[in-house]
Amino acid sequence: MSDQDGYRVAEAYAAVDALAKELGSPLAAPFMTLSFMALLVIPSLKLSDKGLFDGEAFRFVEAVV
């Protein structure tokens, strides 16, 4: 949500979306993907304030560096 004009918000969103892709994101819509990760309707992976949680194994996913 924003109090800005919709065109201005769309322009800013396009800029951060392009930056995410420049940084290597293979996702078509990285921020939309993140917005759906917290939904309970996604059964296998959930994003919480404590990290990525595997609902099937019932444990947090370890980061691969």
PDB file of N, CA and C in Angstrom:
ATOM      1  N   MET A   1       0.840  -1.167   0.000  1.00  0.00           N
ATOM      2  CA  MET A   1       0.000   0.000   0.000  1.00  0.00           C
ATOM      3  C   MET A   1       0.887   1.232   0.000  1.00  0.00           C
ATOM      4  N   SER A   2       0.360   2.278  -0.598  1.00  0.00           N
ATOM      5  CA  SER A   2       1.122   3.508  -0.684  1.00  0.00           C
ATOM      6  C   SER A   2       0.177   4.694  -0.833  1.00  0.00           C
ATOM      7  N   ASP A   3       0.653   5.836  -0.411  1.00  0.00           N
ATOM      8  CA  ASP A   3      -0.128   7.055  -0.629  1.00  0.00           C
ATOM      9  C   ASP A   3       0.333   7.763  -1.906  1.00  0.00           C
ATOM     10  N   GLN A   4       1.234   7.124  -2.628  1.00  0.00           N
ATOM     11  CA  GLN A   4       1.760   7.686  -3.869  1.00  0.00           C
ATOM     12  C   GLN A   4       0.833   7.369  -5.047  1.00  0.00           C
ATOM     13  N   ASP A   5       1.024   8.100  -6.110  1.00  0.00           N
ATOM     14  CA  ASP A   5       0.302   7.864  -7.352  1.00  0.00           C
ATOM     15  C   ASP A   5       0.617   6.461  -7.872  1.00  0.00           C
ATOM     16  N   GLY A   6      -0.382   5.782  -8.427  1.00  0.00           N
ATOM     17  CA  GLY A   6      -0.198   4.419  -8.910  1.00  0.00           C
ATOM     18  C   GLY A   6       0.887   4.286  -9.962  1.00  0.00           C
ATOM     19  N   TYR A   7       1.022   5.268 -10.834  1.00  0.00           N
ATOM     20  CA  TYR A   7       2.068   5.225 -11.855  1.00  0.00           C
ATOM     21  C   TYR A   7       3.458   5.301 -11.225  1.00  0.00           C
ATOM     22  N   ARG A   8       3.568   6.115 -10.179  1.00  0.00           N
ATOM     23  CA  ARG A   8       4.861   6.251  -9.481  1.00  0.00           C
ATOM     24  C   ARG A   8       5.214   4.941  -8.770  1.00  0.00           C
ATOM     25  N   VAL A   9       4.227   4.322  -8.146  1.00  0.00           N
ATOM     26  CA  VAL A   9       4.457   3.046  -7.466  1.00  0.00           C
ATOM     27  C   VAL A   9       4.850   1.970  -8.479  1.00  0.00           C
ATOM     28  N   ALA A  10       4.165   1.930  -9.622  1.00  0.00           N
ATOM     29  CA  ALA A  10       4.482   0.950 -10.665  1.00  0.00           C
ATOM     30  C   ALA A  10       5.902   1.140 -11.177  1.00  0.00           C
ATOM     31  N   GLU A  11       6.318   2.373 -11.337  1.00  0.00           N
ATOM     32  CA  GLU A  11       7.667   2.662 -11.805  1.00  0.00           C
ATOM     33  C   GLU A  11       8.715   2.206 -10.779  1.00  0.00           C
ATOM     34  N   ALA A  12       8.446   2.471  -9.512  1.00  0.00           N
ATOM     35  CA  ALA A  12       9.376   2.062  -8.454  1.00  0.00           C
ATOM     36  C   ALA A  12       9.436   0.534  -8.347  1.00  0.00           C
ATOM     37  N   TYR A  13       8.268  -0.119  -8.480  1.00  0.00           N
ATOM     38  CA  TYR A  13       8.229  -1.584  -8.428  1.00  0.00           C
ATOM     39  C   TYR A  13       9.027  -2.172  -9.589  1.00  0.00           C
ATOM     40  N   ALA A  14       8.861  -1.617 -10.770  1.00  0.00           N
ATOM     41  CA  ALA A  14       9.599  -2.103 -11.946  1.00  0.00           C
ATOM     42  C   ALA A  14      11.100  -1.960 -11.728  1.00  0.00           C
ATOM     43  N   ALA A  15      11.506  -0.881 -11.073  1.00  0.00           N
ATOM     44  CA  ALA A  15      12.933  -0.657 -10.818  1.00  0.00           C
ATOM     45  C   ALA A  15      13.497  -1.691  -9.845  1.00  0.00           C
ATOM     46  N   VAL A  16      12.807  -1.977  -8.748  1.00  0.00           N
ATOM     47  CA  VAL A  16      13.329  -2.968  -7.792  1.00  0.00           C
ATOM     48  C   VAL A  16      13.234  -4.375  -8.359  1.00  0.00           C
ATOM     49  N   ASP A  17      12.216  -4.637  -9.182  1.00  0.00           N
ATOM     50  CA  ASP A  17      12.090  -5.933  -9.838  1.00  0.00           C
ATOM     51  C   ASP A  17      13.274  -6.157 -10.782  1.00  0.00           C
ATOM     52  N   ALA A  18      13.620  -5.133 -11.561  1.00  0.00           N
ATOM     53  CA  ALA A  18      14.757  -5.224 -12.471  1.00  0.00           C
ATOM     54  C   ALA A  18      16.058  -5.415 -11.697  1.00  0.00           C
ATOM     55  N   LEU A  19      16.197  -4.737 -10.577  1.00  0.00           N
ATOM     56  CA  LEU A  19      17.398  -4.875  -9.755  1.00  0.00           C
ATOM     57  C   LEU A  19      17.532  -6.297  -9.210  1.00  0.00           C
ATOM     58  N   ALA A  20      16.423  -6.869  -8.751  1.00  0.00           N
ATOM     59  CA  ALA A  20      16.461  -8.247  -8.244  1.00  0.00           C
ATOM     60  C   ALA A  20      16.925  -9.202  -9.340  1.00  0.00           C
ATOM     61  N   LYS A  21      16.469  -8.974 -10.542  1.00  0.00           N
ATOM     62  CA  LYS A  21      16.873  -9.830 -11.663  1.00  0.00           C
ATOM     63  C   LYS A  21      18.333  -9.601 -12.036  1.00  0.00           C
ATOM     64  N   GLU A  22      18.792  -8.362 -11.954  1.00  0.00           N
ATOM     65  CA  GLU A  22      20.212  -8.068 -12.203  1.00  0.00           C
ATOM     66  C   GLU A  22      21.105  -8.767 -11.181  1.00  0.00           C
ATOM     67  N   LEU A  23      20.607  -8.881  -9.961  1.00  0.00           N
ATOM     68  CA  LEU A  23      21.365  -9.522  -8.891  1.00  0.00           C
ATOM     69  C   LEU A  23      21.326 -11.041  -8.976  1.00  0.00           C
ATOM     70  N   GLY A  24      20.569 -11.561  -9.949  1.00  0.00           N
ATOM     71  CA  GLY A  24      20.597 -13.008 -10.183  1.00  0.00           C
ATOM     72  C   GLY A  24      19.333 -13.775  -9.867  1.00  0.00           C
ATOM     73  N   SER A  25      18.258 -13.112  -9.544  1.00  0.00           N
ATOM     74  CA  SER A  25      17.020 -13.848  -9.255  1.00  0.00           C
ATOM     75  C   SER A  25      16.517 -14.533 -10.519  1.00  0.00           C
ATOM     76  N   PRO A  26      16.304 -15.845 -10.446  1.00  0.00           N
ATOM     77  CA  PRO A  26      15.797 -16.564 -11.611  1.00  0.00           C
ATOM     78  C   PRO A  26      14.266 -16.514 -11.708  1.00  0.00           C
ATOM     79  N   LEU A  27      13.625 -15.906 -10.732  1.00  0.00           N
ATOM     80  CA  LEU A  27      12.165 -15.872 -10.683  1.00  0.00           C
ATOM     81  C   LEU A  27      11.603 -14.820 -11.628  1.00  0.00           C
ATOM     82  N   ALA A  28      10.467 -15.124 -12.231  1.00  0.00           N
ATOM     83  CA  ALA A  28       9.816 -14.164 -13.121  1.00  0.00           C
ATOM     84  C   ALA A  28       9.301 -12.961 -12.341  1.00  0.00           C
ATOM     85  N   ALA A  29       8.820 -13.199 -11.129  1.00  0.00           N
ATOM     86  CA  ALA A  29       8.286 -12.127 -10.280  1.00  0.00           C
ATOM     87  C   ALA A  29       8.740 -12.376  -8.842  1.00  0.00           C
ATOM     88  N   PRO A  30       9.987 -12.018  -8.499  1.00  0.00           N
ATOM     89  CA  PRO A  30      10.530 -12.361  -7.188  1.00  0.00           C
ATOM     90  C   PRO A  30       9.745 -11.813  -6.001  1.00  0.00           C
ATOM     91  N   PHE A  31       9.233 -10.600  -6.090  1.00  0.00           N
ATOM     92  CA  PHE A  31       8.520 -10.033  -4.947  1.00  0.00           C
ATOM     93  C   PHE A  31       7.123 -10.597  -4.808  1.00  0.00           C
ATOM     94  N   MET A  32       6.489 -10.935  -5.913  1.00  0.00           N
ATOM     95  CA  MET A  32       5.186 -11.595  -5.841  1.00  0.00           C
ATOM     96  C   MET A  32       5.352 -12.988  -5.240  1.00  0.00           C
ATOM     97  N   THR A  33       6.433 -13.668  -5.594  1.00  0.00           N
ATOM     98  CA  THR A  33       6.702 -14.988  -5.037  1.00  0.00           C
ATOM     99  C   THR A  33       6.859 -14.900  -3.527  1.00  0.00           C
ATOM    100  N   LEU A  34       7.608 -13.915  -3.051  1.00  0.00           N
ATOM    101  CA  LEU A  34       7.778 -13.742  -1.605  1.00  0.00           C
ATOM    102  C   LEU A  34       6.463 -13.444  -0.908  1.00  0.00           C
ATOM    103  N   SER A  35       5.601 -12.688  -1.554  1.00  0.00           N
ATOM    104  CA  SER A  35       4.341 -12.330  -0.911  1.00  0.00           C
ATOM    105  C   SER A  35       3.447 -13.542  -0.698  1.00  0.00           C
ATOM    106  N   PHE A  36       3.596 -14.567  -1.510  1.00  0.00           N
ATOM    107  CA  PHE A  36       2.774 -15.764  -1.356  1.00  0.00           C
ATOM    108  C   PHE A  36       3.398 -16.804  -0.443  1.00  0.00           C
ATOM    109  N   MET A  37       4.677 -16.679  -0.133  1.00  0.00           N
ATOM    110  CA  MET A  37       5.366 -17.687   0.675  1.00  0.00           C
ATOM    111  C   MET A  37       4.793 -17.822   2.085  1.00  0.00           C
ATOM    112  N   ALA A  38       4.260 -16.763   2.642  1.00  0.00           N
ATOM    113  CA  ALA A  38       3.758 -16.810   4.016  1.00  0.00           C
ATOM    114  C   ALA A  38       2.343 -17.364   4.116  1.00  0.00           C
ATOM    115  N   LEU A  39       1.669 -17.562   2.998  1.00  0.00           N
ATOM    116  CA  LEU A  39       0.297 -18.056   3.040  1.00  0.00           C
ATOM    117  C   LEU A  39       0.243 -19.497   3.520  1.00  0.00           C
ATOM    118  N   LEU A  40      -0.723 -19.790   4.366  1.00  0.00           N
ATOM    119  CA  LEU A  40      -0.842 -21.141   4.901  1.00  0.00           C
ATOM    120  C   LEU A  40      -1.299 -22.154   3.853  1.00  0.00           C
ATOM    121  N   VAL A  41      -1.780 -21.684   2.719  1.00  0.00           N
ATOM    122  CA  VAL A  41      -2.238 -22.604   1.683  1.00  0.00           C
ATOM    123  C   VAL A  41      -1.083 -23.231   0.912  1.00  0.00           C
ATOM    124  N   ILE A  42       0.119 -22.745   1.120  1.00  0.00           N
ATOM    125  CA  ILE A  42       1.283 -23.353   0.488  1.00  0.00           C
ATOM    126  C   ILE A  42       1.802 -24.411   1.466  1.00  0.00           C
ATOM    127  N   PRO A  43       1.583 -25.682   1.156  1.00  0.00           N
ATOM    128  CA  PRO A  43       1.836 -26.726   2.152  1.00  0.00           C
ATOM    129  C   PRO A  43       3.287 -27.086   2.401  1.00  0.00           C
ATOM    130  N   SER A  44       4.176 -26.940   1.435  1.00  0.00           N
ATOM    131  CA  SER A  44       5.512 -27.485   1.660  1.00  0.00           C
ATOM    132  C   SER A  44       6.517 -26.495   2.241  1.00  0.00           C
ATOM    133  N   LEU A  45       6.494 -25.239   1.806  1.00  0.00           N
ATOM    134  CA  LEU A  45       7.436 -24.256   2.327  1.00  0.00           C
ATOM    135  C   LEU A  45       6.704 -23.020   2.821  1.00  0.00           C
ATOM    136  N   LYS A  46       7.153 -22.512   3.962  1.00  0.00           N
ATOM    137  CA  LYS A  46       6.560 -21.304   4.532  1.00  0.00           C
ATOM    138  C   LYS A  46       7.676 -20.364   4.962  1.00  0.00           C
ATOM    139  N   LEU A  47       7.478 -19.079   4.768  1.00  0.00           N
ATOM    140  CA  LEU A  47       8.455 -18.082   5.177  1.00  0.00           C
ATOM    141  C   LEU A  47       7.953 -17.419   6.441  1.00  0.00           C
ATOM    142  N   SER A  48       8.728 -17.504   7.504  1.00  0.00           N
ATOM    143  CA  SER A  48       8.321 -16.902   8.772  1.00  0.00           C
ATOM    144  C   SER A  48       9.359 -15.881   9.210  1.00  0.00           C
ATOM    145  N   ASP A  49       9.098 -15.258  10.332  1.00  0.00           N
ATOM    146  CA  ASP A  49      10.059 -14.304  10.871  1.00  0.00           C
ATOM    147  C   ASP A  49      11.335 -15.000  11.342  1.00  0.00           C
ATOM    148  N   LYS A  50      11.312 -16.329  11.439  1.00  0.00           N
ATOM    149  CA  LYS A  50      12.487 -17.078  11.867  1.00  0.00           C
ATOM    150  C   LYS A  50      13.191 -17.778  10.712  1.00  0.00           C
ATOM    151  N   GLY A  51      12.683 -17.615   9.504  1.00  0.00           N
ATOM    152  CA  GLY A  51      13.328 -18.214   8.339  1.00  0.00           C
ATOM    153  C   GLY A  51      12.382 -19.074   7.530  1.00  0.00           C
ATOM    154  N   LEU A  52      12.934 -19.822   6.601  1.00  0.00           N
ATOM    155  CA  LEU A  52      12.174 -20.692   5.713  1.00  0.00           C
ATOM    156  C   LEU A  52      11.892 -22.003   6.425  1.00  0.00           C
ATOM    157  N   PHE A  53      10.616 -22.406   6.446  1.00  0.00           N
ATOM    158  CA  PHE A  53      10.204 -23.592   7.194  1.00  0.00           C
ATOM    159  C   PHE A  53       9.645 -24.633   6.246  1.00  0.00           C
ATOM    160  N   ASP A  54      10.151 -25.862   6.352  1.00  0.00           N
ATOM    161  CA  ASP A  54       9.663 -26.985   5.556  1.00  0.00           C
ATOM    162  C   ASP A  54       8.522 -27.635   6.325  1.00  0.00           C
ATOM    163  N   GLY A  55       7.284 -27.437   5.842  1.00  0.00           N
ATOM    164  CA  GLY A  55       6.105 -27.959   6.532  1.00  0.00           C
ATOM    165  C   GLY A  55       5.995 -29.464   6.472  1.00  0.00           C
ATOM    166  N   GLU A  56       6.562 -30.084   5.443  1.00  0.00           N
ATOM    167  CA  GLU A  56       6.483 -31.545   5.330  1.00  0.00           C
ATOM    168  C   GLU A  56       7.465 -32.228   6.277  1.00  0.00           C
ATOM    169  N   ALA A  57       8.687 -31.700   6.390  1.00  0.00           N
ATOM    170  CA  ALA A  57       9.682 -32.261   7.305  1.00  0.00           C
ATOM    171  C   ALA A  57       9.553 -31.659   8.702  1.00  0.00           C
ATOM    172  N   PHE A  58       8.752 -30.605   8.822  1.00  0.00           N
ATOM    173  CA  PHE A  58       8.516 -29.884  10.072  1.00  0.00           C
ATOM    174  C   PHE A  58       9.818 -29.426  10.718  1.00  0.00           C
ATOM    175  N   ARG A  59      10.636 -28.725   9.898  1.00  0.00           N
ATOM    176  CA  ARG A  59      11.895 -28.162  10.402  1.00  0.00           C
ATOM    177  C   ARG A  59      12.276 -26.965   9.537  1.00  0.00           C
ATOM    178  N   PHE A  60      13.142 -26.125  10.074  1.00  0.00           N
ATOM    179  CA  PHE A  60      13.631 -24.977   9.329  1.00  0.00           C
ATOM    180  C   PHE A  60      14.651 -25.432   8.284  1.00  0.00           C
ATOM    181  N   VAL A  61      14.652 -24.782   7.146  1.00  0.00           N
ATOM    182  CA  VAL A  61      15.571 -25.092   6.063  1.00  0.00           C
ATOM    183  C   VAL A  61      16.885 -24.378   6.323  1.00  0.00           C
ATOM    184  N   GLU A  62      17.984 -25.107   6.248  1.00  0.00           N
ATOM    185  CA  GLU A  62      19.297 -24.519   6.461  1.00  0.00           C
ATOM    186  C   GLU A  62      19.734 -23.792   5.202  1.00  0.00           C
ATOM    187  N   ALA A  63      20.376 -22.646   5.393  1.00  0.00           N
ATOM    188  CA  ALA A  63      20.861 -21.857   4.260  1.00  0.00           C
ATOM    189  C   ALA A  63      22.051 -22.541   3.615  1.00  0.00           C
ATOM    190  N   VAL A  64      22.081 -22.516   2.278  1.00  0.00           N
ATOM    191  CA  VAL A  64      23.209 -23.060   1.539  1.00  0.00           C
ATOM    192  C   VAL A  64      24.045 -21.877   1.057  1.00  0.00           C
ATOM    193  N   VAL A  65      25.275 -21.827   1.519  1.00  0.00           N
ATOM    194  CA  VAL A  65      26.140 -20.692   1.174  1.00  0.00           C
ATOM    195  C   VAL A  65      27.229 -21.123   0.233  1.00  0.00           C
TER     196      VAL A  65
END
